[in-house]
């Protein structure tokens, strides 16, 4: 196994979900992933007619309007199929597992498709020293990267780059 392949195999995938709000009735509106290779993918999700919850406060954070989702979003079936294609048999890590996991499950329920990957808490990857260094490392990386915060693929990439930094590894 070459060193580049070894790095790709050992770097976890990360996932981030932006949503219509928090709590009951909320649903995913954008999902982003950063793969072991460093490749990123992001999908806006067109809400089905029965997904009606909308929190203007959440929109103020992610800056994605419902009108934009209706115009540019992709159907749940397409997004679920592509997530399965990229993550099949793998674990994707999230820093907001308690929110992201149910939102992704709601997407797959809507798509009437089995989810072929797992989502785990990022905390499962970190030892105590890494957890202690996490926030300072993440703040530094966010300043260096300068991408739009609270957009799913950027947030997933920042998580991955922060994990690489606290793990003493270098990015792909």
N, C-alpha and C. Protein backbone atom coordinates (compact mmCIF):
# COMPACT_ATOMS: atom_id res chain seq x y z
N UNK A 1 0.84 -1.17 0.00
CA UNK A 1 0.00 0.00 0.00
C UNK A 1 0.89 1.24 0.00
N UNK A 2 0.64 2.17 -0.91
CA UNK A 2 1.45 3.39 -0.98
C UNK A 2 1.06 4.33 0.16
N UNK A 3 1.95 5.25 0.53
CA UNK A 3 1.62 6.17 1.62
C UNK A 3 0.36 6.99 1.36
N UNK A 4 0.14 7.44 0.13
CA UNK A 4 -1.06 8.24 -0.16
C UNK A 4 -2.32 7.42 0.06
N UNK A 5 -2.30 6.17 -0.35
CA UNK A 5 -3.47 5.31 -0.15
C UNK A 5 -3.66 5.03 1.32
N UNK A 6 -2.57 4.82 2.04
CA UNK A 6 -2.66 4.58 3.47
C UNK A 6 -3.31 5.77 4.17
N UNK A 7 -2.93 7.01 3.79
CA UNK A 7 -3.51 8.20 4.39
C UNK A 7 -5.01 8.25 4.09
N UNK A 8 -5.39 7.99 2.85
CA UNK A 8 -6.79 8.07 2.47
C UNK A 8 -7.63 7.07 3.24
N UNK A 9 -7.08 5.88 3.49
CA UNK A 9 -7.82 4.86 4.21
C UNK A 9 -7.98 5.25 5.68
N UNK A 10 -7.00 5.92 6.27
CA UNK A 10 -7.05 6.22 7.69
C UNK A 10 -7.78 7.53 8.02
N UNK A 11 -8.04 8.37 7.05
CA UNK A 11 -8.74 9.64 7.30
C UNK A 11 -10.25 9.38 7.24
N UNK A 12 -10.95 9.73 8.29
CA UNK A 12 -12.40 9.49 8.28
C UNK A 12 -13.15 10.49 7.41
N UNK A 13 -14.33 10.08 7.00
CA UNK A 13 -15.25 10.98 6.29
C UNK A 13 -16.04 11.77 7.33
N UNK A 14 -16.41 12.99 6.97
CA UNK A 14 -17.21 13.85 7.84
C UNK A 14 -18.45 14.31 7.11
N UNK A 15 -19.50 14.55 7.88
CA UNK A 15 -20.78 14.98 7.34
C UNK A 15 -21.31 16.16 8.15
N UNK A 16 -21.99 17.07 7.47
CA UNK A 16 -22.64 18.19 8.14
C UNK A 16 -24.00 18.40 7.47
N UNK A 17 -24.97 18.77 8.29
CA UNK A 17 -26.33 18.98 7.79
C UNK A 17 -26.81 20.35 8.23
N UNK A 18 -27.34 21.11 7.29
CA UNK A 18 -28.06 22.35 7.61
C UNK A 18 -29.55 22.00 7.55
N UNK A 19 -30.34 22.65 8.38
CA UNK A 19 -31.74 22.26 8.50
C UNK A 19 -32.67 23.47 8.52
N UNK A 20 -33.95 23.16 8.40
CA UNK A 20 -34.99 24.19 8.38
C UNK A 20 -35.19 24.84 9.74
N UNK A 21 -34.63 24.25 10.76
CA UNK A 21 -34.75 24.74 12.13
C UNK A 21 -34.33 23.63 13.06
N UNK A 22 -34.64 23.80 14.31
CA UNK A 22 -34.35 22.77 15.29
C UNK A 22 -35.66 22.18 15.81
N UNK A 23 -35.58 20.96 16.29
CA UNK A 23 -36.74 20.37 16.95
C UNK A 23 -37.75 19.74 16.02
N UNK A 24 -38.89 19.46 16.60
CA UNK A 24 -39.96 18.73 15.91
C UNK A 24 -40.37 19.42 14.61
N UNK A 25 -40.46 18.63 13.57
CA UNK A 25 -40.88 19.14 12.27
C UNK A 25 -39.74 19.64 11.40
N UNK A 26 -38.54 19.81 11.96
CA UNK A 26 -37.43 20.30 11.15
C UNK A 26 -36.94 19.18 10.22
N UNK A 27 -36.26 19.59 9.18
CA UNK A 27 -35.81 18.65 8.16
C UNK A 27 -34.52 19.16 7.52
N UNK A 28 -33.78 18.26 6.87
CA UNK A 28 -32.52 18.67 6.24
C UNK A 28 -32.78 19.50 4.99
N UNK A 29 -31.97 20.55 4.83
CA UNK A 29 -32.07 21.37 3.62
C UNK A 29 -30.78 21.34 2.80
N UNK A 30 -29.67 21.00 3.46
CA UNK A 30 -28.39 20.90 2.77
C UNK A 30 -27.53 19.88 3.51
N UNK A 31 -26.90 18.99 2.76
CA UNK A 31 -25.99 18.00 3.35
C UNK A 31 -24.67 18.10 2.61
N UNK A 32 -23.60 18.14 3.40
CA UNK A 32 -22.26 18.18 2.83
C UNK A 32 -21.40 17.09 3.44
N UNK A 33 -20.50 16.55 2.64
CA UNK A 33 -19.56 15.53 3.12
C UNK A 33 -18.16 15.88 2.66
N UNK A 34 -17.19 15.47 3.46
CA UNK A 34 -15.79 15.55 3.09
C UNK A 34 -15.24 14.13 3.23
N UNK A 35 -14.80 13.57 2.11
CA UNK A 35 -14.37 12.17 2.07
C UNK A 35 -12.91 12.02 2.46
N UNK A 36 -12.48 10.79 2.66
CA UNK A 36 -11.10 10.50 3.05
C UNK A 36 -10.10 11.10 2.07
N UNK A 37 -10.44 11.16 0.82
CA UNK A 37 -9.56 11.70 -0.22
C UNK A 37 -9.46 13.22 -0.16
N UNK A 38 -10.37 13.84 0.60
CA UNK A 38 -10.45 15.30 0.62
C UNK A 38 -11.52 15.82 -0.33
N UNK A 39 -12.07 14.95 -1.17
CA UNK A 39 -13.15 15.37 -2.06
C UNK A 39 -14.36 15.78 -1.24
N UNK A 40 -15.04 16.83 -1.68
CA UNK A 40 -16.23 17.32 -0.99
C UNK A 40 -17.42 17.27 -1.93
N UNK A 41 -18.57 17.00 -1.34
CA UNK A 41 -19.83 16.99 -2.10
C UNK A 41 -20.88 17.69 -1.25
N UNK A 42 -21.80 18.37 -1.93
CA UNK A 42 -22.83 19.12 -1.21
C UNK A 42 -24.11 19.10 -2.02
N UNK A 43 -25.23 18.95 -1.32
CA UNK A 43 -26.53 18.90 -1.98
C UNK A 43 -27.53 19.81 -1.26
N UNK A 44 -28.18 20.67 -2.02
CA UNK A 44 -29.37 21.35 -1.52
C UNK A 44 -30.54 20.39 -1.73
N UNK A 45 -31.44 20.35 -0.78
CA UNK A 45 -32.55 19.40 -0.83
C UNK A 45 -33.86 20.16 -1.03
N UNK A 46 -34.57 19.81 -2.09
CA UNK A 46 -35.89 20.41 -2.34
C UNK A 46 -36.88 19.80 -1.36
N UNK A 47 -37.48 20.63 -0.51
CA UNK A 47 -38.40 20.06 0.48
C UNK A 47 -39.70 19.58 -0.18
N UNK A 48 -40.11 18.35 0.13
CA UNK A 48 -41.42 17.91 -0.34
C UNK A 48 -42.50 18.82 0.24
N UNK A 49 -43.66 18.85 -0.38
CA UNK A 49 -44.74 19.76 0.03
C UNK A 49 -45.11 19.60 1.50
N UNK A 50 -45.00 18.40 2.05
CA UNK A 50 -45.41 18.18 3.44
C UNK A 50 -44.31 18.52 4.45
N UNK A 51 -43.13 18.92 3.99
CA UNK A 51 -42.09 19.44 4.89
C UNK A 51 -42.31 20.95 4.96
N UNK A 52 -43.03 21.39 5.96
CA UNK A 52 -43.46 22.80 6.00
C UNK A 52 -42.77 23.64 7.08
N UNK A 53 -42.16 23.00 8.08
CA UNK A 53 -41.52 23.76 9.16
C UNK A 53 -40.45 24.68 8.58
N UNK A 54 -40.47 25.95 8.99
CA UNK A 54 -39.42 26.87 8.56
C UNK A 54 -39.16 27.86 9.67
N UNK A 55 -37.90 27.93 10.11
CA UNK A 55 -37.51 28.84 11.18
C UNK A 55 -36.67 29.96 10.58
N UNK A 56 -37.18 31.20 10.57
CA UNK A 56 -36.40 32.32 10.03
C UNK A 56 -35.06 32.51 10.75
N UNK A 57 -34.99 32.12 12.02
CA UNK A 57 -33.73 32.20 12.75
C UNK A 57 -32.68 31.27 12.17
N UNK A 58 -33.09 30.07 11.77
CA UNK A 58 -32.16 29.13 11.14
C UNK A 58 -31.70 29.68 9.79
N UNK A 59 -32.64 30.26 9.04
CA UNK A 59 -32.27 30.85 7.75
C UNK A 59 -31.26 31.98 7.93
N UNK A 60 -31.37 32.73 9.01
CA UNK A 60 -30.42 33.81 9.28
C UNK A 60 -29.01 33.27 9.53
N UNK A 61 -28.92 32.03 10.00
CA UNK A 61 -27.61 31.40 10.24
C UNK A 61 -27.03 30.83 8.96
N UNK A 62 -27.82 30.03 8.21
CA UNK A 62 -27.27 29.36 7.02
C UNK A 62 -27.48 30.13 5.73
N UNK A 63 -28.34 31.14 5.73
CA UNK A 63 -28.57 32.00 4.56
C UNK A 63 -29.07 31.25 3.33
N UNK A 64 -29.87 30.22 3.57
CA UNK A 64 -30.48 29.47 2.47
C UNK A 64 -31.98 29.66 2.60
N UNK A 65 -32.60 30.26 1.60
CA UNK A 65 -34.04 30.50 1.67
C UNK A 65 -34.81 29.28 1.19
N UNK A 66 -36.03 29.17 1.66
CA UNK A 66 -36.90 28.09 1.20
C UNK A 66 -37.12 28.21 -0.31
N UNK A 67 -37.27 29.43 -0.79
CA UNK A 67 -37.47 29.65 -2.24
C UNK A 67 -36.27 29.12 -3.03
N UNK A 68 -35.07 29.32 -2.51
CA UNK A 68 -33.88 28.80 -3.20
C UNK A 68 -33.88 27.28 -3.23
N UNK A 69 -34.31 26.66 -2.13
CA UNK A 69 -34.40 25.20 -2.09
C UNK A 69 -35.39 24.68 -3.12
N UNK A 70 -36.51 25.33 -3.23
CA UNK A 70 -37.54 24.89 -4.18
C UNK A 70 -37.02 25.05 -5.60
N UNK A 71 -36.30 26.15 -5.85
CA UNK A 71 -35.77 26.42 -7.19
C UNK A 71 -34.58 25.54 -7.55
N UNK A 72 -33.63 25.37 -6.61
CA UNK A 72 -32.36 24.71 -6.94
C UNK A 72 -32.13 23.38 -6.23
N UNK A 73 -32.97 23.06 -5.26
CA UNK A 73 -32.76 21.83 -4.51
C UNK A 73 -33.03 20.59 -5.35
N UNK A 74 -32.47 19.49 -4.89
CA UNK A 74 -32.65 18.21 -5.57
C UNK A 74 -33.59 17.34 -4.76
N UNK A 75 -34.32 16.46 -5.42
CA UNK A 75 -35.25 15.58 -4.70
C UNK A 75 -34.54 14.68 -3.69
N UNK A 76 -35.26 14.35 -2.62
CA UNK A 76 -34.71 13.51 -1.55
C UNK A 76 -34.13 12.20 -2.11
N UNK A 77 -34.79 11.61 -3.09
CA UNK A 77 -34.34 10.32 -3.64
C UNK A 77 -32.95 10.45 -4.27
N UNK A 78 -32.71 11.54 -4.99
CA UNK A 78 -31.40 11.75 -5.62
C UNK A 78 -30.31 11.95 -4.59
N UNK A 79 -30.60 12.79 -3.59
CA UNK A 79 -29.60 13.08 -2.57
C UNK A 79 -29.27 11.82 -1.77
N UNK A 80 -30.30 11.07 -1.37
CA UNK A 80 -30.09 9.83 -0.61
C UNK A 80 -29.26 8.83 -1.43
N UNK A 81 -29.59 8.68 -2.71
CA UNK A 81 -28.85 7.74 -3.56
C UNK A 81 -27.38 8.14 -3.68
N UNK A 82 -27.10 9.44 -3.83
CA UNK A 82 -25.72 9.88 -3.96
C UNK A 82 -24.96 9.76 -2.64
N UNK A 83 -25.63 10.03 -1.53
CA UNK A 83 -24.98 9.81 -0.23
C UNK A 83 -24.60 8.33 -0.08
N UNK A 84 -25.52 7.44 -0.41
CA UNK A 84 -25.21 6.01 -0.34
C UNK A 84 -24.05 5.64 -1.26
N UNK A 85 -24.01 6.22 -2.44
CA UNK A 85 -22.94 5.93 -3.39
C UNK A 85 -21.57 6.34 -2.81
N UNK A 86 -21.50 7.50 -2.20
CA UNK A 86 -20.22 8.00 -1.68
C UNK A 86 -19.82 7.40 -0.34
N UNK A 87 -20.80 7.01 0.48
CA UNK A 87 -20.51 6.59 1.85
C UNK A 87 -20.83 5.13 2.15
N UNK A 88 -21.28 4.36 1.17
CA UNK A 88 -21.72 2.99 1.40
C UNK A 88 -20.70 2.19 2.22
N UNK A 89 -21.21 1.60 3.32
CA UNK A 89 -20.38 0.75 4.16
C UNK A 89 -19.42 1.49 5.06
N UNK A 90 -19.48 2.80 5.06
CA UNK A 90 -18.53 3.61 5.84
C UNK A 90 -19.23 4.27 7.03
N UNK A 91 -18.43 4.92 7.83
CA UNK A 91 -18.92 5.76 8.91
C UNK A 91 -18.59 7.20 8.55
N UNK A 92 -19.55 8.09 8.67
CA UNK A 92 -19.31 9.53 8.52
C UNK A 92 -19.47 10.14 9.91
N UNK A 93 -18.55 11.01 10.27
CA UNK A 93 -18.54 11.59 11.61
C UNK A 93 -19.12 13.00 11.59
N UNK A 94 -19.83 13.32 12.66
CA UNK A 94 -20.53 14.59 12.79
C UNK A 94 -20.22 15.22 14.14
N UNK A 95 -20.13 16.54 14.16
CA UNK A 95 -19.96 17.23 15.44
C UNK A 95 -21.30 17.57 16.07
N UNK A 96 -22.38 17.25 15.38
CA UNK A 96 -23.74 17.49 15.90
C UNK A 96 -24.57 16.23 15.67
N UNK A 97 -24.03 15.11 16.11
CA UNK A 97 -24.62 13.80 15.86
C UNK A 97 -26.10 13.74 16.26
N UNK A 98 -26.44 14.31 17.40
CA UNK A 98 -27.82 14.24 17.89
C UNK A 98 -28.81 14.93 16.98
N UNK A 99 -28.36 15.88 16.18
CA UNK A 99 -29.22 16.55 15.21
C UNK A 99 -29.07 15.93 13.81
N UNK A 100 -27.82 15.76 13.39
CA UNK A 100 -27.57 15.32 12.02
C UNK A 100 -28.12 13.93 11.73
N UNK A 101 -27.96 13.01 12.68
CA UNK A 101 -28.43 11.64 12.45
C UNK A 101 -29.94 11.60 12.18
N UNK A 102 -30.79 12.23 12.99
CA UNK A 102 -32.23 12.19 12.69
C UNK A 102 -32.59 12.92 11.39
N UNK A 103 -31.88 14.00 11.06
CA UNK A 103 -32.18 14.69 9.81
C UNK A 103 -31.84 13.82 8.60
N UNK A 104 -30.72 13.13 8.65
CA UNK A 104 -30.36 12.23 7.54
C UNK A 104 -31.36 11.07 7.49
N UNK A 105 -31.76 10.56 8.64
CA UNK A 105 -32.77 9.49 8.67
C UNK A 105 -34.08 9.97 8.05
N UNK A 106 -34.44 11.21 8.31
CA UNK A 106 -35.67 11.76 7.72
C UNK A 106 -35.56 11.83 6.20
N UNK A 107 -34.39 12.20 5.70
CA UNK A 107 -34.17 12.22 4.25
C UNK A 107 -34.37 10.83 3.66
N UNK A 108 -33.76 9.82 4.28
CA UNK A 108 -33.86 8.46 3.76
C UNK A 108 -35.28 7.91 3.91
N UNK A 109 -35.97 8.28 4.97
CA UNK A 109 -37.38 7.88 5.10
C UNK A 109 -38.20 8.46 3.96
N UNK A 110 -37.98 9.73 3.67
CA UNK A 110 -38.70 10.39 2.57
C UNK A 110 -38.38 9.72 1.24
N UNK A 111 -37.13 9.35 1.06
CA UNK A 111 -36.69 8.72 -0.19
C UNK A 111 -37.13 7.25 -0.29
N UNK A 112 -37.64 6.71 0.84
CA UNK A 112 -38.03 5.29 0.92
C UNK A 112 -36.87 4.40 0.47
N UNK A 113 -35.70 4.68 1.08
CA UNK A 113 -34.46 4.01 0.71
C UNK A 113 -33.68 3.69 1.98
N UNK A 114 -33.06 2.53 2.04
CA UNK A 114 -32.22 2.24 3.22
C UNK A 114 -30.95 3.08 3.19
N UNK A 115 -30.55 3.53 4.36
CA UNK A 115 -29.29 4.26 4.51
C UNK A 115 -28.18 3.22 4.62
N UNK A 116 -27.18 3.29 3.77
CA UNK A 116 -26.14 2.27 3.69
C UNK A 116 -24.82 2.69 4.35
N UNK A 117 -24.89 3.66 5.24
CA UNK A 117 -23.73 4.11 5.99
C UNK A 117 -24.20 4.52 7.38
N UNK A 118 -23.24 4.68 8.29
CA UNK A 118 -23.57 5.10 9.65
C UNK A 118 -23.06 6.50 9.91
N UNK A 119 -23.70 7.16 10.81
CA UNK A 119 -23.22 8.46 11.29
C UNK A 119 -22.88 8.28 12.76
N UNK A 120 -21.69 8.70 13.13
CA UNK A 120 -21.22 8.60 14.51
C UNK A 120 -20.78 9.98 14.99
N UNK A 121 -20.71 10.12 16.29
CA UNK A 121 -20.24 11.36 16.89
C UNK A 121 -18.74 11.50 16.68
N UNK A 122 -18.33 12.68 16.31
CA UNK A 122 -16.92 13.00 16.16
C UNK A 122 -16.15 12.71 17.45
N UNK A 123 -16.81 12.85 18.58
CA UNK A 123 -16.16 12.63 19.88
C UNK A 123 -15.58 11.21 19.99
N UNK A 124 -16.16 10.27 19.25
CA UNK A 124 -15.65 8.88 19.28
C UNK A 124 -14.25 8.76 18.69
N UNK A 125 -13.84 9.76 17.91
CA UNK A 125 -12.52 9.74 17.28
C UNK A 125 -11.43 10.35 18.15
N UNK A 126 -11.82 11.08 19.18
CA UNK A 126 -10.87 11.92 19.91
C UNK A 126 -10.49 11.35 21.26
N UNK A 127 -9.20 11.40 21.57
CA UNK A 127 -8.79 11.12 22.94
C UNK A 127 -8.90 12.45 23.73
N UNK A 128 -8.56 12.41 24.99
CA UNK A 128 -8.74 13.61 25.83
C UNK A 128 -7.89 14.79 25.36
N UNK A 129 -6.63 14.53 24.99
CA UNK A 129 -5.75 15.60 24.53
C UNK A 129 -6.28 16.22 23.23
N UNK A 130 -6.75 15.37 22.32
CA UNK A 130 -7.31 15.87 21.06
C UNK A 130 -8.58 16.69 21.31
N UNK A 131 -9.41 16.21 22.22
CA UNK A 131 -10.65 16.94 22.55
C UNK A 131 -10.31 18.31 23.16
N UNK A 132 -9.28 18.35 24.00
CA UNK A 132 -8.88 19.61 24.63
C UNK A 132 -8.35 20.61 23.60
N UNK A 133 -7.71 20.12 22.55
CA UNK A 133 -7.14 20.99 21.51
C UNK A 133 -8.14 21.33 20.41
N UNK A 134 -9.29 20.68 20.41
CA UNK A 134 -10.23 20.78 19.30
C UNK A 134 -10.65 22.20 18.98
N UNK A 135 -11.20 22.93 19.94
CA UNK A 135 -11.80 24.24 19.65
C UNK A 135 -10.76 25.26 19.16
N UNK A 136 -9.60 25.30 19.79
CA UNK A 136 -8.56 26.23 19.34
C UNK A 136 -8.10 25.88 17.92
N UNK A 137 -7.94 24.58 17.65
CA UNK A 137 -7.52 24.14 16.30
C UNK A 137 -8.60 24.48 15.27
N UNK A 138 -9.85 24.24 15.63
CA UNK A 138 -10.95 24.54 14.70
C UNK A 138 -11.02 26.04 14.40
N UNK A 139 -10.88 26.87 15.42
CA UNK A 139 -10.91 28.33 15.21
C UNK A 139 -9.78 28.76 14.27
N UNK A 140 -8.59 28.21 14.46
CA UNK A 140 -7.45 28.54 13.60
C UNK A 140 -7.71 28.12 12.16
N UNK A 141 -8.22 26.92 11.99
CA UNK A 141 -8.48 26.41 10.64
C UNK A 141 -9.58 27.22 9.96
N UNK A 142 -10.61 27.57 10.71
CA UNK A 142 -11.67 28.40 10.13
C UNK A 142 -11.12 29.73 9.64
N UNK A 143 -10.21 30.33 10.40
CA UNK A 143 -9.61 31.60 9.99
C UNK A 143 -8.73 31.42 8.74
N UNK A 144 -8.01 30.29 8.66
CA UNK A 144 -7.14 30.03 7.52
C UNK A 144 -7.93 29.72 6.26
N UNK A 145 -8.98 28.93 6.39
CA UNK A 145 -9.75 28.47 5.24
C UNK A 145 -10.61 29.59 4.68
N UNK A 146 -11.28 30.32 5.55
CA UNK A 146 -12.08 31.46 5.13
C UNK A 146 -13.29 31.14 4.28
N UNK A 147 -13.83 29.94 4.34
CA UNK A 147 -15.04 29.64 3.56
C UNK A 147 -16.28 30.00 4.36
N UNK A 148 -17.40 30.03 3.69
CA UNK A 148 -18.66 30.43 4.32
C UNK A 148 -19.03 29.46 5.43
N UNK A 149 -19.15 29.97 6.64
CA UNK A 149 -19.53 29.14 7.76
C UNK A 149 -21.02 28.83 7.67
N UNK A 150 -21.37 27.69 8.18
CA UNK A 150 -22.74 27.18 8.15
C UNK A 150 -23.21 26.89 6.74
N UNK A 151 -22.29 26.45 5.91
CA UNK A 151 -22.63 25.79 4.67
C UNK A 151 -22.06 24.39 4.83
N UNK A 152 -22.83 23.41 4.46
CA UNK A 152 -22.56 22.03 4.86
C UNK A 152 -21.22 21.48 4.40
N UNK A 153 -20.85 21.63 3.14
CA UNK A 153 -19.59 21.02 2.70
C UNK A 153 -18.39 21.73 3.31
N UNK A 154 -18.47 23.02 3.49
CA UNK A 154 -17.38 23.75 4.14
C UNK A 154 -17.25 23.31 5.59
N UNK A 155 -18.37 23.20 6.29
CA UNK A 155 -18.32 22.77 7.68
C UNK A 155 -17.76 21.35 7.81
N UNK A 156 -18.14 20.45 6.89
CA UNK A 156 -17.61 19.08 6.92
C UNK A 156 -16.10 19.09 6.68
N UNK A 157 -15.64 19.92 5.75
CA UNK A 157 -14.21 20.02 5.47
C UNK A 157 -13.46 20.60 6.67
N UNK A 158 -14.03 21.59 7.33
CA UNK A 158 -13.39 22.16 8.52
C UNK A 158 -13.27 21.11 9.62
N UNK A 159 -14.30 20.30 9.79
CA UNK A 159 -14.22 19.21 10.78
C UNK A 159 -13.08 18.26 10.44
N UNK A 160 -13.00 17.89 9.16
CA UNK A 160 -11.95 16.95 8.75
C UNK A 160 -10.57 17.56 8.93
N UNK A 161 -10.39 18.81 8.53
CA UNK A 161 -9.09 19.46 8.68
C UNK A 161 -8.72 19.64 10.16
N UNK A 162 -9.71 19.90 11.00
CA UNK A 162 -9.45 20.02 12.44
C UNK A 162 -9.04 18.66 12.99
N UNK A 163 -9.73 17.60 12.57
CA UNK A 163 -9.35 16.26 13.03
C UNK A 163 -7.91 15.94 12.61
N UNK A 164 -7.56 16.27 11.36
CA UNK A 164 -6.20 16.05 10.90
C UNK A 164 -5.20 16.81 11.77
N UNK A 165 -5.52 18.05 12.11
CA UNK A 165 -4.61 18.88 12.91
C UNK A 165 -4.44 18.30 14.32
N UNK A 166 -5.52 17.95 14.99
CA UNK A 166 -5.39 17.44 16.35
C UNK A 166 -4.82 16.02 16.38
N UNK A 167 -4.88 15.34 15.25
CA UNK A 167 -4.32 13.99 15.16
C UNK A 167 -2.87 13.99 14.73
N UNK A 168 -2.34 15.16 14.40
CA UNK A 168 -0.96 15.26 13.96
C UNK A 168 -0.74 14.80 12.53
N UNK A 169 -1.81 14.75 11.75
CA UNK A 169 -1.70 14.35 10.35
C UNK A 169 -1.81 15.59 9.47
N UNK A 170 -1.46 15.43 8.21
CA UNK A 170 -1.61 16.52 7.26
C UNK A 170 -2.69 16.14 6.27
N UNK A 171 -3.42 17.12 5.77
CA UNK A 171 -4.54 16.87 4.88
C UNK A 171 -4.14 16.27 3.56
N UNK A 172 -5.12 15.62 2.90
CA UNK A 172 -4.87 15.03 1.59
C UNK A 172 -4.65 16.10 0.54
